[in-house]
Amino acid sequence: MNANDKIVLFDGVCNLCNGLVQFILARDPEGRFRFASLQSDAARRLLNGNPPAETMVLIEQGTTYLKSAAALRIARGLRFPWPLLCGLLIVPRPLRDIVYDWVARHRYAWFGKRESCMLPAPQWRARFLE
């Protein structure tokens, strides 16, 4: 890993989270984002052994972003039109995170849960941290 890596940590057993990773991969042809599940050793190392259970995490240039801040910063790094979502940064973070937390609380009921973390497709395997 280098200082310019953008690392997305996600709930590896959550179907919504896995779908979002697939969404990011398809819209990031330059390969700016790398990934690891929150259940992985890589995530524990990156987060000093304290991975959060209810949030997506973005580590960008040494700064850790959580919840809606992570999601909007990820959108900024995707192909057009997704960077336009950054306009939502004008909404105060506590209000954005209320919506984020509501979806996070219901994600397993709405989208389901896997028994184990996803295995990346061969063409994307190098973008996932061990």
Protein backbone atom coordinates (compact mmCIF):
# COMPACT_ATOMS: atom_id res chain seq x y z
CA MET A 1 0.00 0.00 0.00
CA ASN A 2 1.09 3.55 -0.57
CA ALA A 3 0.00 6.93 0.77
CA ASN A 4 -2.19 7.62 -2.29
CA ASP A 5 -4.28 4.46 -1.94
CA LYS A 6 -7.98 4.92 -1.36
CA ILE A 7 -9.09 1.94 0.70
CA VAL A 8 -12.74 1.01 1.13
CA LEU A 9 -13.56 -1.21 4.09
CA PHE A 10 -16.98 -2.85 3.89
CA ASP A 11 -19.11 -5.44 5.67
CA GLY A 12 -18.13 -8.56 3.74
CA VAL A 13 -21.27 -10.54 4.63
CA CYS A 14 -23.75 -7.75 3.76
CA ASN A 15 -25.37 -8.11 0.33
CA LEU A 16 -25.90 -4.34 0.05
CA CYS A 17 -22.25 -3.66 0.87
CA ASN A 18 -21.04 -6.29 -1.60
CA GLY A 19 -23.29 -4.76 -4.25
CA LEU A 20 -21.78 -1.34 -3.55
CA VAL A 21 -18.27 -2.75 -3.97
CA GLN A 22 -19.32 -4.20 -7.35
CA PHE A 23 -20.82 -0.80 -8.23
CA ILE A 24 -17.56 1.00 -7.35
CA LEU A 25 -15.42 -1.49 -9.28
CA ALA A 26 -17.52 -0.99 -12.42
CA ARG A 27 -17.24 2.81 -12.19
CA ASP A 28 -13.57 3.04 -11.24
CA PRO A 29 -11.74 1.92 -14.39
CA GLU A 30 -8.51 3.62 -13.26
CA GLY A 31 -8.43 1.36 -10.19
CA ARG A 32 -8.08 4.15 -7.63
CA PHE A 33 -9.96 2.22 -4.95
CA ARG A 34 -8.75 -0.87 -3.11
CA PHE A 35 -10.95 -2.98 -0.85
CA ALA A 36 -11.02 -5.15 2.26
CA SER A 37 -13.87 -6.54 4.30
CA LEU A 38 -14.26 -5.25 7.84
CA GLN A 39 -13.94 -8.89 8.94
CA SER A 40 -10.42 -9.19 7.45
CA ASP A 41 -7.02 -9.02 9.11
CA ALA A 42 -6.20 -6.13 6.76
CA ALA A 43 -9.09 -4.06 8.17
CA ARG A 44 -8.08 -4.86 11.74
CA ARG A 45 -4.51 -3.74 10.98
CA LEU A 46 -5.66 -0.55 9.25
CA LEU A 47 -8.07 0.34 12.05
CA ASN A 48 -5.82 -0.68 14.95
CA GLY A 49 -8.00 -3.67 15.81
CA ASN A 50 -11.24 -1.66 16.09
CA PRO A 51 -13.31 -2.11 12.90
CA PRO A 52 -16.79 -0.58 13.24
CA ALA A 53 -19.70 -2.95 12.53
CA GLU A 54 -22.31 -0.60 11.11
CA THR A 55 -20.43 1.54 8.61
CA MET A 56 -18.45 1.66 5.43
CA VAL A 57 -14.98 3.14 5.94
CA LEU A 58 -12.79 5.04 3.50
CA ILE A 59 -9.12 5.57 4.26
CA GLU A 60 -7.76 8.25 1.97
CA GLN A 61 -4.32 9.86 2.31
CA GLY A 62 -4.08 8.74 5.92
CA THR A 63 -7.50 10.10 6.93
CA THR A 64 -10.36 7.80 7.93
CA TYR A 65 -13.89 8.69 6.83
CA LEU A 66 -17.01 6.97 8.12
CA LYS A 67 -20.65 6.67 7.13
CA SER A 68 -22.02 9.33 4.75
CA ALA A 69 -18.67 11.13 4.55
CA ALA A 70 -17.06 7.92 3.28
CA ALA A 71 -19.86 7.27 0.79
CA LEU A 72 -19.76 10.79 -0.67
CA ARG A 73 -15.96 10.83 -0.92
CA ILE A 74 -16.13 7.50 -2.75
CA ALA A 75 -18.71 8.97 -5.15
CA ARG A 76 -16.29 11.83 -5.84
CA GLY A 77 -13.75 9.30 -7.15
CA LEU A 78 -16.09 7.58 -9.61
CA ARG A 79 -16.93 8.34 -13.24
CA PHE A 80 -19.46 11.05 -14.06
CA PRO A 81 -22.27 11.56 -12.95
CA TRP A 82 -21.51 10.12 -9.49
CA PRO A 83 -19.23 12.98 -8.33
CA LEU A 84 -22.31 15.23 -8.45
CA LEU A 85 -23.47 13.54 -5.25
CA CYS A 86 -20.77 15.51 -3.44
CA GLY A 87 -23.25 18.38 -3.49
CA LEU A 88 -24.87 16.56 -0.55
CA LEU A 89 -21.87 17.57 1.54
CA ILE A 90 -23.72 20.86 2.17
CA VAL A 91 -26.20 18.85 4.27
CA PRO A 92 -24.86 18.75 7.84
CA ARG A 93 -23.14 15.46 8.60
CA PRO A 94 -25.40 14.57 11.55
CA LEU A 95 -28.45 14.75 9.26
CA ARG A 96 -26.74 12.71 6.51
CA ASP A 97 -25.65 10.14 9.06
CA ILE A 98 -29.20 9.73 10.41
CA VAL A 99 -30.21 8.45 6.98
CA TYR A 100 -27.03 6.38 6.68
CA ASP A 101 -27.60 4.79 10.12
CA TRP A 102 -31.24 4.00 9.29
CA VAL A 103 -30.23 2.12 6.12
CA ALA A 104 -27.35 0.42 7.98
CA ARG A 105 -29.71 -0.85 10.70
CA HIS A 106 -32.05 -2.39 8.13
CA ARG A 107 -29.58 -3.59 5.48
CA TYR A 108 -29.66 -7.27 6.42
CA ALA A 109 -33.46 -7.35 6.53
CA TRP A 110 -33.82 -5.52 3.20
CA PHE A 111 -30.91 -6.99 1.22
CA GLY A 112 -29.92 -10.15 3.08
CA LYS A 113 -26.70 -11.48 4.50
CA ARG A 114 -24.14 -14.01 3.24
CA GLU A 115 -22.64 -16.84 5.26
CA SER A 116 -19.12 -15.71 4.32
CA CYS A 117 -17.30 -12.80 2.70
CA MET A 118 -17.40 -12.48 -1.08
CA LEU A 119 -14.57 -13.69 -3.26
CA PRO A 120 -13.59 -11.09 -5.85
CA ALA A 121 -13.68 -11.94 -9.55
CA PRO A 122 -10.23 -12.81 -10.92
CA GLN A 123 -9.88 -9.51 -12.82
CA TRP A 124 -10.35 -7.58 -9.55
CA ARG A 125 -8.49 -9.80 -7.10
CA ALA A 126 -5.41 -7.53 -7.07
CA ARG A 127 -7.56 -4.63 -5.81
CA PHE A 128 -8.45 -6.51 -2.61
CA LEU A 129 -6.11 -6.42 0.39
CA GLU A 130 -5.00 -9.66 1.97
